[in-house]
N, C-alpha and C. Protein backbone atom coordinates (compact mmCIF):
# COMPACT_ATOMS: atom_id res chain seq x y z
N MET A 1 24.13 27.65 19.09
CA MET A 1 23.67 26.38 19.43
C MET A 1 24.61 25.35 19.85
N THR A 2 24.36 24.60 20.79
CA THR A 2 25.11 23.37 21.21
C THR A 2 24.91 22.22 21.64
N ASP A 3 24.65 20.76 21.85
CA ASP A 3 23.95 19.60 22.41
C ASP A 3 23.12 19.30 21.47
N GLY A 4 22.93 19.12 20.15
CA GLY A 4 22.27 18.62 19.06
C GLY A 4 21.60 19.72 19.08
N THR A 5 21.66 21.30 18.97
CA THR A 5 20.26 21.74 18.78
C THR A 5 21.48 23.20 17.66
N SER A 6 22.45 22.20 17.04
CA SER A 6 22.85 23.31 16.21
C SER A 6 21.61 23.27 14.99
N TYR A 7 22.02 24.63 14.19
CA TYR A 7 21.16 24.45 12.87
C TYR A 7 21.54 22.96 12.11
N GLU A 8 23.04 22.48 11.79
CA GLU A 8 22.81 21.44 11.29
C GLU A 8 21.82 20.18 11.20
N SER A 9 21.80 20.17 13.21
CA SER A 9 21.26 18.70 13.46
C SER A 9 19.74 19.29 13.79
N LEU A 10 19.37 20.61 13.40
CA LEU A 10 17.91 20.41 13.27
C LEU A 10 17.52 20.51 11.69
N ALA A 11 18.10 21.12 10.85
CA ALA A 11 17.84 20.72 9.55
C ALA A 11 17.85 18.95 9.38
N ILE A 12 18.64 18.10 9.65
CA ILE A 12 18.89 16.98 9.71
C ILE A 12 17.36 16.43 10.23
N ARG A 13 16.92 16.93 11.55
CA ARG A 13 15.61 16.22 11.84
C ARG A 13 14.47 16.54 11.26
N LEU A 14 14.34 18.04 10.66
CA LEU A 14 13.35 18.32 9.98
C LEU A 14 13.14 17.65 8.81
N GLN A 15 14.53 17.33 7.95
CA GLN A 15 14.50 16.49 6.76
C GLN A 15 14.02 15.49 7.10
N ALA A 16 14.27 14.65 8.04
CA ALA A 16 13.39 13.25 8.54
C ALA A 16 11.37 13.45 8.45
N LEU A 17 11.71 14.27 9.59
CA LEU A 17 9.67 14.26 9.41
C LEU A 17 9.29 15.01 7.83
N GLU A 18 10.28 15.88 7.02
CA GLU A 18 9.34 16.23 5.77
C GLU A 18 9.73 14.76 4.68
N ASP A 19 10.43 14.13 5.10
CA ASP A 19 10.75 12.64 4.16
C ASP A 19 9.07 11.70 4.87
N LYS A 20 9.04 11.75 5.95
CA LYS A 20 7.91 10.64 6.79
C LYS A 20 6.56 11.34 6.38
N GLU A 21 6.40 12.10 6.02
CA GLU A 21 5.00 13.33 5.70
C GLU A 21 5.01 12.96 4.38
N ALA A 22 5.87 13.05 3.49
CA ALA A 22 5.88 12.57 2.05
C ALA A 22 5.52 11.34 1.44
N LEU A 23 6.00 10.24 3.02
CA LEU A 23 5.83 8.73 2.45
C LEU A 23 4.35 8.95 2.93
N ARG A 24 3.99 9.35 3.77
CA ARG A 24 2.54 9.14 4.46
C ARG A 24 1.56 9.30 3.29
N ALA A 25 1.74 10.97 3.01
CA ALA A 25 1.43 11.77 1.64
C ALA A 25 0.69 11.07 0.84
N LEU A 26 2.34 9.77 -0.08
CA LEU A 26 2.56 9.85 -1.20
C LEU A 26 1.26 8.33 -0.82
N MET A 27 1.21 7.57 0.44
CA MET A 27 0.03 6.42 0.35
C MET A 27 -1.32 6.78 0.56
N ILE A 28 -1.52 7.53 1.05
CA ILE A 28 -2.46 8.33 1.06
C ILE A 28 -3.31 8.70 0.38
N ASN A 29 -2.71 9.55 -0.79
CA ASN A 29 -3.04 10.00 -2.32
C ASN A 29 -3.48 8.92 -2.77
N GLY A 30 -2.27 8.39 -3.27
CA GLY A 30 -2.05 7.06 -3.72
C GLY A 30 -3.32 5.89 -3.83
N TRP A 31 -3.85 5.40 -2.47
CA TRP A 31 -4.70 4.75 -2.59
C TRP A 31 -6.14 5.81 -2.40
N ARG A 32 -6.52 6.46 -1.76
CA ARG A 32 -7.91 7.40 -2.05
C ARG A 32 -7.66 7.22 -3.54
N ALA A 33 -6.78 7.69 -4.70
CA ALA A 33 -7.16 7.12 -5.96
C ALA A 33 -7.36 5.92 -6.59
N LEU A 34 -6.54 5.01 -5.48
CA LEU A 34 -7.27 3.56 -6.09
C LEU A 34 -8.87 3.33 -5.64
N ASP A 35 -9.20 3.69 -4.77
CA ASP A 35 -10.72 3.79 -4.37
C ASP A 35 -11.13 4.18 -5.70
N ARG A 36 -10.92 5.75 -5.78
CA ARG A 36 -11.89 6.35 -7.19
C ARG A 36 -11.66 5.44 -8.43
N LYS A 37 -10.64 4.45 -8.90
CA LYS A 37 -10.35 3.82 -9.68
C LYS A 37 -9.64 4.97 -11.04
N ASP A 38 -8.87 5.36 -10.32
CA ASP A 38 -7.99 6.62 -10.80
C ASP A 38 -6.60 5.80 -10.81
N TRP A 39 -6.70 5.11 -11.74
CA TRP A 39 -5.78 4.00 -12.09
C TRP A 39 -4.05 4.55 -12.40
N ARG A 40 -4.01 5.44 -13.17
CA ARG A 40 -2.73 6.37 -13.04
C ARG A 40 -2.38 6.75 -12.18
N THR A 41 -2.95 7.61 -11.11
CA THR A 41 -2.62 8.09 -10.18
C THR A 41 -1.49 7.42 -9.33
N TRP A 42 -2.73 6.32 -8.98
CA TRP A 42 -2.54 5.07 -8.11
C TRP A 42 -1.13 4.61 -8.61
N ILE A 43 -1.15 3.95 -9.76
CA ILE A 43 0.68 3.58 -10.07
C ILE A 43 1.76 4.34 -10.55
N ASP A 44 1.16 5.85 -10.80
CA ASP A 44 2.46 6.78 -10.50
C ASP A 44 3.24 6.77 -9.00
N CYS A 45 2.78 6.25 -7.97
CA CYS A 45 3.41 5.89 -6.85
C CYS A 45 4.34 4.92 -6.67
N TRP A 46 4.35 4.10 -7.59
CA TRP A 46 5.41 2.87 -7.83
C TRP A 46 6.70 3.21 -8.86
N SER A 47 7.52 2.70 -8.50
CA SER A 47 8.74 2.78 -9.30
C SER A 47 8.61 1.66 -10.85
N PRO A 48 9.28 1.55 -11.83
CA PRO A 48 9.05 1.09 -12.84
C PRO A 48 9.20 -0.37 -13.19
N ASP A 49 10.33 -0.47 -11.76
CA ASP A 49 10.46 -1.71 -11.41
C ASP A 49 10.07 -2.71 -10.18
N ALA A 50 8.90 -2.00 -9.50
CA ALA A 50 8.42 -2.18 -8.31
C ALA A 50 7.85 -3.72 -8.69
N VAL A 51 7.98 -4.21 -7.62
CA VAL A 51 7.44 -5.75 -6.95
C VAL A 51 6.42 -5.85 -5.90
N LEU A 52 5.05 -6.02 -6.10
CA LEU A 52 3.93 -6.29 -5.83
C LEU A 52 4.01 -7.61 -5.04
N ALA A 53 4.41 -7.73 -4.04
CA ALA A 53 3.87 -9.24 -3.39
C ALA A 53 2.79 -9.36 -2.58
N PHE A 54 1.41 -10.11 -2.82
CA PHE A 54 0.24 -10.17 -2.69
C PHE A 54 0.31 -11.82 -2.26
N GLU A 55 -0.54 -11.81 -0.98
CA GLU A 55 -0.29 -13.86 -0.52
C GLU A 55 -1.25 -13.93 -1.74
N PRO A 56 -2.28 -13.81 -2.08
CA PRO A 56 -3.22 -14.77 -3.14
C PRO A 56 -3.09 -14.44 -4.53
N TRP A 57 -1.98 -13.73 -4.82
CA TRP A 57 -1.57 -13.16 -6.14
C TRP A 57 -0.18 -14.25 -6.74
N GLY A 58 1.17 -14.22 -4.96
CA GLY A 58 2.20 -14.07 -5.59
C GLY A 58 2.86 -12.85 -5.63
N GLU A 59 3.81 -12.86 -6.32
CA GLU A 59 4.79 -11.71 -6.63
C GLU A 59 4.35 -11.28 -8.40
N LEU A 60 4.22 -9.97 -8.11
CA LEU A 60 4.44 -9.71 -9.43
C LEU A 60 4.98 -8.08 -9.57
N HIS A 61 5.98 -8.40 -11.07
CA HIS A 61 7.15 -7.56 -11.14
C HIS A 61 6.63 -6.46 -12.11
N GLY A 62 7.11 -5.22 -12.10
CA GLY A 62 6.99 -4.37 -12.68
C GLY A 62 5.31 -3.19 -12.97
N LYS A 63 5.30 -1.78 -13.00
CA LYS A 63 4.23 -1.10 -13.26
C LYS A 63 2.97 -2.37 -13.48
N ASP A 64 3.42 -2.27 -14.89
CA ASP A 64 2.42 -2.74 -16.17
C ASP A 64 1.64 -3.84 -16.04
N ALA A 65 2.47 -5.14 -14.58
CA ALA A 65 1.54 -6.50 -14.24
C ALA A 65 1.19 -5.57 -13.05
N ILE A 66 1.78 -5.23 -12.82
CA ILE A 66 1.13 -4.64 -11.04
C ILE A 66 -0.03 -3.78 -11.48
N ARG A 67 -0.16 -3.18 -12.07
CA ARG A 67 -1.57 -1.96 -12.86
C ARG A 67 -2.52 -2.95 -13.31
N THR A 68 -2.26 -4.06 -14.11
CA THR A 68 -3.33 -4.89 -14.72
C THR A 68 -4.02 -5.99 -13.60
N LYS A 69 -3.08 -6.55 -13.22
CA LYS A 69 -3.70 -7.10 -11.75
C LYS A 69 -4.09 -6.44 -11.13
N VAL A 70 -4.33 -5.25 -10.56
CA VAL A 70 -5.15 -4.39 -9.80
C VAL A 70 -6.92 -4.34 -10.52
N ILE A 71 -6.46 -3.73 -11.69
CA ILE A 71 -7.42 -3.50 -12.54
C ILE A 71 -8.72 -4.21 -12.63
N GLU A 72 -7.92 -5.25 -12.74
CA GLU A 72 -8.60 -6.97 -13.12
C GLU A 72 -9.54 -7.10 -11.95
N ALA A 73 -8.79 -7.34 -10.36
CA ALA A 73 -9.50 -7.42 -9.64
C ALA A 73 -10.01 -6.44 -8.89
N GLU A 74 -10.44 -5.55 -9.22
CA GLU A 74 -10.87 -4.24 -8.13
C GLU A 74 -11.58 -3.37 -9.41
N SER A 75 -11.59 -3.89 -10.72
CA SER A 75 -12.53 -2.56 -11.76
C SER A 75 -14.21 -3.01 -11.10
N SER A 76 -14.67 -4.10 -11.05
CA SER A 76 -15.76 -4.76 -10.99
C SER A 76 -16.58 -4.47 -9.94
N TYR A 77 -15.91 -3.97 -8.87
CA TYR A 77 -16.34 -3.26 -7.29
C TYR A 77 -17.19 -2.38 -7.72
N ALA A 78 -18.36 -2.03 -7.42
CA ALA A 78 -19.13 -0.53 -7.92
C ALA A 78 -18.27 0.69 -7.04
N ALA A 79 -17.92 -0.11 -5.52
CA ALA A 79 -17.39 1.12 -4.67
C ALA A 79 -16.30 0.02 -3.78
N MET A 80 -15.22 1.03 -3.31
CA MET A 80 -14.28 0.33 -2.35
C MET A 80 -13.61 1.21 -1.74
N GLN A 81 -13.07 1.11 -0.68
CA GLN A 81 -12.09 1.52 0.04
C GLN A 81 -10.64 1.22 0.37
N HIS A 82 -9.47 1.46 0.96
CA HIS A 82 -8.39 1.10 1.22
C HIS A 82 -7.75 1.49 2.31
N HIS A 83 -8.53 1.17 3.48
CA HIS A 83 -7.93 2.03 4.69
C HIS A 83 -6.04 1.41 5.01
N LEU A 84 -5.90 2.86 5.42
CA LEU A 84 -4.16 2.50 5.48
C LEU A 84 -4.38 2.73 7.13
N LEU A 85 -3.86 1.50 7.50
CA LEU A 85 -3.49 2.07 9.40
C LEU A 85 -2.22 2.00 9.70
N ASN A 86 -1.76 2.32 10.86
CA ASN A 86 -0.50 2.44 11.64
C ASN A 86 0.38 2.10 10.97
N MET A 87 0.47 3.61 10.00
CA MET A 87 1.76 3.62 9.05
C MET A 87 2.75 4.00 10.15
N SER A 88 4.08 3.88 9.50
CA SER A 88 5.19 3.48 10.43
C SER A 88 6.25 4.00 9.38
N PHE A 89 7.41 4.83 8.98
CA PHE A 89 8.24 5.24 8.27
C PHE A 89 9.82 4.96 8.73
N GLU A 90 10.91 4.78 8.48
CA GLU A 90 12.08 5.07 8.39
C GLU A 90 12.53 4.90 6.98
N VAL A 91 13.47 6.35 7.40
CA VAL A 91 14.24 6.83 6.51
C VAL A 91 15.79 6.49 6.72
N GLU A 92 16.41 6.53 5.63
CA GLU A 92 18.06 6.26 5.19
C GLU A 92 18.05 6.52 4.07
N GLY A 93 18.58 8.01 4.17
CA GLY A 93 19.32 8.71 3.03
C GLY A 93 18.19 8.59 1.92
N ASP A 94 18.32 8.00 0.60
CA ASP A 94 17.52 7.80 0.02
C ASP A 94 16.67 6.98 -0.35
N HIS A 95 16.62 6.16 0.36
CA HIS A 95 15.93 4.79 0.79
C HIS A 95 15.47 4.75 1.95
N ALA A 96 14.28 4.32 2.30
CA ALA A 96 12.84 4.35 3.62
C ALA A 96 12.36 3.07 3.58
N THR A 97 11.65 2.82 4.44
CA THR A 97 10.94 1.34 4.96
C THR A 97 9.96 2.23 5.72
N GLY A 98 8.53 0.91 5.16
CA GLY A 98 7.33 1.73 6.10
C GLY A 98 6.60 0.00 6.08
N VAL A 99 5.70 0.13 7.03
CA VAL A 99 4.84 -1.08 7.84
C VAL A 99 3.55 -0.63 8.04
N GLY A 100 2.69 -0.95 8.08
CA GLY A 100 1.46 -0.82 8.01
C GLY A 100 0.53 -1.96 8.32
N TYR A 101 -1.09 -1.55 8.17
CA TYR A 101 -1.98 -2.11 7.88
C TYR A 101 -2.80 -1.96 7.30
N MET A 102 -3.56 -2.70 6.49
CA MET A 102 -4.65 -2.73 5.12
C MET A 102 -6.39 -3.29 5.60
N TRP A 103 -7.04 -2.49 5.67
CA TRP A 103 -8.52 -2.62 5.73
C TRP A 103 -9.05 -2.56 4.32
N PHE A 104 -9.37 -3.68 3.54
CA PHE A 104 -9.86 -3.25 2.37
C PHE A 104 -11.74 -3.74 2.49
N VAL A 105 -12.23 -2.67 1.70
CA VAL A 105 -13.43 -2.99 2.13
C VAL A 105 -14.24 -2.78 0.91
N ALA A 106 -15.30 -3.38 0.13
CA ALA A 106 -15.93 -3.10 -1.15
C ALA A 106 -17.13 -4.11 -1.22
N VAL A 107 -17.94 -3.41 -2.00
CA VAL A 107 -19.32 -3.72 -2.95
C VAL A 107 -19.44 -3.75 -3.90
N SER A 108 -20.48 -4.59 -4.45
CA SER A 108 -21.11 -5.17 -5.63
C SER A 108 -21.48 -3.98 -6.09
N HIS A 109 -22.83 -3.58 -5.58
CA HIS A 109 -23.89 -2.81 -5.93
C HIS A 109 -23.71 -1.52 -4.94
N ARG A 110 -24.20 -0.45 -5.40
CA ARG A 110 -23.97 0.48 -4.15
C ARG A 110 -24.72 0.51 -3.39
N ASN A 111 -26.50 0.50 -3.79
CA ASN A 111 -27.34 0.71 -3.02
C ASN A 111 -28.06 -1.10 -3.39
N GLY A 112 -27.43 -1.70 -3.94
CA GLY A 112 -28.45 -3.08 -3.69
C GLY A 112 -27.75 -4.09 -2.77
N PRO A 113 -28.69 -5.02 -3.16
CA PRO A 113 -28.75 -6.01 -1.63
C PRO A 113 -27.15 -6.40 -1.34
N GLY A 114 -27.02 -6.99 -0.38
CA GLY A 114 -25.77 -7.90 -0.74
C GLY A 114 -24.44 -7.30 0.94
N GLU A 115 -23.52 -8.23 1.67
CA GLU A 115 -22.76 -8.32 2.51
C GLU A 115 -21.27 -7.62 1.60
N PRO A 116 -21.03 -6.11 2.15
CA PRO A 116 -19.29 -6.06 1.54
C PRO A 116 -18.44 -7.33 2.00
N TYR A 117 -18.03 -6.93 1.15
CA TYR A 117 -16.65 -8.12 1.20
C TYR A 117 -15.78 -7.29 1.86
N ALA A 118 -14.70 -7.48 2.83
CA ALA A 118 -13.50 -7.17 3.48
C ALA A 118 -12.81 -8.00 4.13
N MET A 119 -11.22 -7.64 3.97
CA MET A 119 -10.46 -7.91 4.39
C MET A 119 -9.29 -7.31 4.93
N GLY A 120 -7.90 -7.93 5.62
CA GLY A 120 -7.30 -6.79 6.77
C GLY A 120 -6.15 -7.75 6.31
N GLY A 121 -4.91 -7.03 6.74
CA GLY A 121 -3.79 -7.89 6.86
C GLY A 121 -2.89 -6.74 6.97
N PRO A 122 -1.42 -7.06 7.44
CA PRO A 122 -0.14 -6.09 7.56
C PRO A 122 0.49 -6.28 5.94
N TYR A 123 1.03 -4.63 5.79
CA TYR A 123 1.75 -4.39 4.58
C TYR A 123 2.91 -3.85 5.26
N THR A 124 4.30 -4.44 4.38
CA THR A 124 5.61 -4.03 4.30
C THR A 124 5.97 -3.07 3.26
N TRP A 125 6.87 -2.13 3.24
CA TRP A 125 7.00 -1.01 1.99
C TRP A 125 8.48 -1.16 1.93
N ASP A 126 9.26 -0.78 0.80
CA ASP A 126 10.18 -0.30 0.59
C ASP A 126 10.18 0.85 -0.50
N TYR A 127 10.91 1.82 -0.47
CA TYR A 127 10.94 3.39 -1.18
C TYR A 127 12.00 3.35 -1.48
N ILE A 128 12.25 4.44 -2.24
CA ILE A 128 13.34 5.35 -2.62
C ILE A 128 13.14 6.64 -3.41
N ARG A 129 14.05 7.48 -3.59
CA ARG A 129 13.49 8.51 -3.74
C ARG A 129 13.80 9.05 -4.98
N SER A 130 12.73 9.30 -5.65
CA SER A 130 12.81 9.27 -7.24
C SER A 130 13.60 10.81 -7.53
N THR A 131 14.43 10.86 -8.94
CA THR A 131 15.12 12.10 -9.06
C THR A 131 14.72 13.46 -8.97
N ASN A 132 13.35 13.47 -8.72
CA ASN A 132 13.01 14.41 -8.27
C ASN A 132 12.77 15.00 -7.17
N GLY A 133 13.21 14.04 -5.99
CA GLY A 133 13.15 14.21 -4.81
C GLY A 133 12.01 14.08 -4.22
N GLY A 134 10.92 13.15 -4.98
CA GLY A 134 9.97 12.58 -4.44
C GLY A 134 9.96 11.24 -4.07
N TRP A 135 9.22 10.20 -3.50
CA TRP A 135 9.21 8.96 -3.03
C TRP A 135 8.41 8.54 -4.23
N LEU A 136 9.13 7.37 -4.11
CA LEU A 136 8.26 5.94 -5.23
C LEU A 136 8.48 4.95 -4.05
N LEU A 137 7.42 3.69 -4.76
CA LEU A 137 6.98 2.70 -3.62
C LEU A 137 8.20 1.33 -4.59
N THR A 138 8.73 0.53 -4.24
CA THR A 138 9.82 0.03 -4.73
C THR A 138 9.34 -1.87 -4.58
N ARG A 139 8.44 -1.90 -3.42
CA ARG A 139 8.17 -3.07 -3.25
C ARG A 139 7.18 -3.12 -2.52
N GLN A 140 6.11 -3.86 -1.83
CA GLN A 140 5.20 -3.96 -1.12
C GLN A 140 5.19 -5.26 -1.24
N ARG A 141 4.43 -5.70 0.10
CA ARG A 141 4.26 -6.87 0.38
C ARG A 141 3.07 -7.15 1.42
N LEU A 142 2.06 -7.57 0.94
CA LEU A 142 0.85 -7.44 1.62
C LEU A 142 0.52 -9.15 2.19
N GLY A 143 -0.07 -8.95 3.41
CA GLY A 143 -0.73 -10.83 3.83
C GLY A 143 -2.14 -10.14 3.97
N VAL A 144 -3.10 -11.31 4.07
CA VAL A 144 -4.23 -11.54 4.45
C VAL A 144 -4.37 -12.00 6.13
N SER A 145 -4.51 -11.42 7.01
CA SER A 145 -5.13 -11.91 8.34
C SER A 145 -6.41 -12.33 8.10
N TRP A 146 -7.41 -11.93 8.04
CA TRP A 146 -9.09 -12.03 7.91
C TRP A 146 -9.63 -11.38 6.32
N ARG A 147 -10.69 -12.36 6.85
CA ARG A 147 -11.64 -12.23 5.80
C ARG A 147 -13.22 -11.63 6.46
N SER A 148 -14.26 -11.26 5.65
CA SER A 148 -15.72 -11.09 6.06
C SER A 148 -16.21 -10.94 4.92
N GLY A 149 -17.32 -11.52 4.30
CA GLY A 149 -18.15 -11.59 3.43
C GLY A 149 -18.03 -12.49 2.35
N GLN A 150 -18.48 -12.14 0.71
CA GLN A 150 -18.50 -12.66 -0.36
C GLN A 150 -17.44 -11.67 -1.10
N ASP A 151 -15.92 -12.63 -1.57
CA ASP A 151 -15.48 -12.02 -2.63
C ASP A 151 -16.40 -12.13 -4.20
N ALA A 152 -17.10 -11.00 -4.62
CA ALA A 152 -17.90 -11.14 -5.39
C ALA A 152 -16.85 -11.49 -6.76
N THR A 153 -16.05 -11.05 -6.73
CA THR A 153 -14.93 -11.31 -8.12
C THR A 153 -14.25 -12.31 -7.79
N SER A 154 -13.64 -13.13 -6.73
CA SER A 154 -13.32 -14.56 -6.25
C SER A 154 -11.70 -13.95 -6.73
N ALA A 155 -11.36 -12.55 -6.96
CA ALA A 155 -9.82 -12.23 -7.50
C ALA A 155 -9.27 -12.11 -6.41
N PHE A 156 -9.21 -12.37 -5.27
CA PHE A 156 -8.73 -12.19 -3.63
C PHE A 156 -9.01 -13.77 -3.16
N ASP A 157 -9.20 -14.55 -3.48
CA ASP A 157 -9.26 -15.61 -2.78
C ASP A 157 -8.44 -17.17 -3.47
N GLN A 158 -7.92 -16.55 -4.69
CA GLN A 158 -6.64 -17.18 -5.21
C GLN A 158 -5.51 -17.15 -4.24
N GLY A 159 -4.82 -18.53 -3.80
CA GLY A 159 -3.57 -19.51 -3.53
C GLY A 159 -3.55 -18.82 -2.21
N VAL A 160 -4.61 -18.26 -1.17
CA VAL A 160 -4.55 -18.62 -0.01
C VAL A 160 -4.38 -18.97 0.99
N SER A 161 -3.26 -19.30 1.73
CA SER A 161 -2.87 -20.08 3.09
C SER A 161 -3.24 -20.93 3.36
N ASP A 162 -3.26 -22.00 4.43
CA ASP A 162 -4.02 -22.62 5.35
C ASP A 162 -4.17 -21.57 6.86
N GLY A 163 -3.97 -20.70 6.63
CA GLY A 163 -3.84 -19.84 8.27
C GLY A 163 -2.10 -19.71 8.71
N SER A 164 -1.22 -20.64 8.24
CA SER A 164 -0.17 -20.66 9.00
C SER A 164 0.81 -19.67 8.31
N ARG A 165 0.75 -18.41 9.15
CA ARG A 165 1.97 -17.27 9.06
C ARG A 165 3.19 -16.65 9.94
N ASP A 166 3.76 -16.04 9.30
CA ASP A 166 4.54 -15.77 10.53
C ASP A 166 3.98 -14.95 11.36
N ARG A 167 4.76 -14.32 12.34
CA ARG A 167 4.18 -13.52 13.35
C ARG A 167 4.19 -11.97 12.95
N ARG A 168 4.04 -11.91 11.78
CA ARG A 168 3.57 -10.66 11.15
C ARG A 168 2.74 -10.63 10.65
N GLY A 169 1.87 -11.96 10.02
CA GLY A 169 0.77 -12.16 9.47
C GLY A 169 1.44 -12.35 7.89
N PHE A 170 2.40 -12.92 7.75
CA PHE A 170 2.86 -13.07 6.59
C PHE A 170 2.89 -14.68 6.25
């Protein structure tokens, strides 16, 4: 084989595809666990020294602080869905980055009255390959571009900007 179709070239391209699919699976499986309030599975997606930068909360450092704040904010919702949209990943060796969008929907009562609370905005992610070959989230940055309904817990209303964001929504 020649012209970029050598076995070595194919192996490199295949690894890139496998890495991108592993990153996508990490995010989908982790955030589906978050919807089920399976906090352990979700937090296992993060590195020990991870950073969560979320507009209403500022920056949280470390898995313990991230888990504590998210449980505090989301545990009172009867049901919720974290939709991850338009995800794209770039991999360079043992480091990766990603971008996407969040669409969060939550209800206080599964069958009761009330409008769902929803919000959306842009994500950026940084990852590192773990010692077992999988990926871990090292940094997540999440902006809020829009909201709908009433946040029953007021957990997501703190520190919201006046609407002036950079071109990515941050």
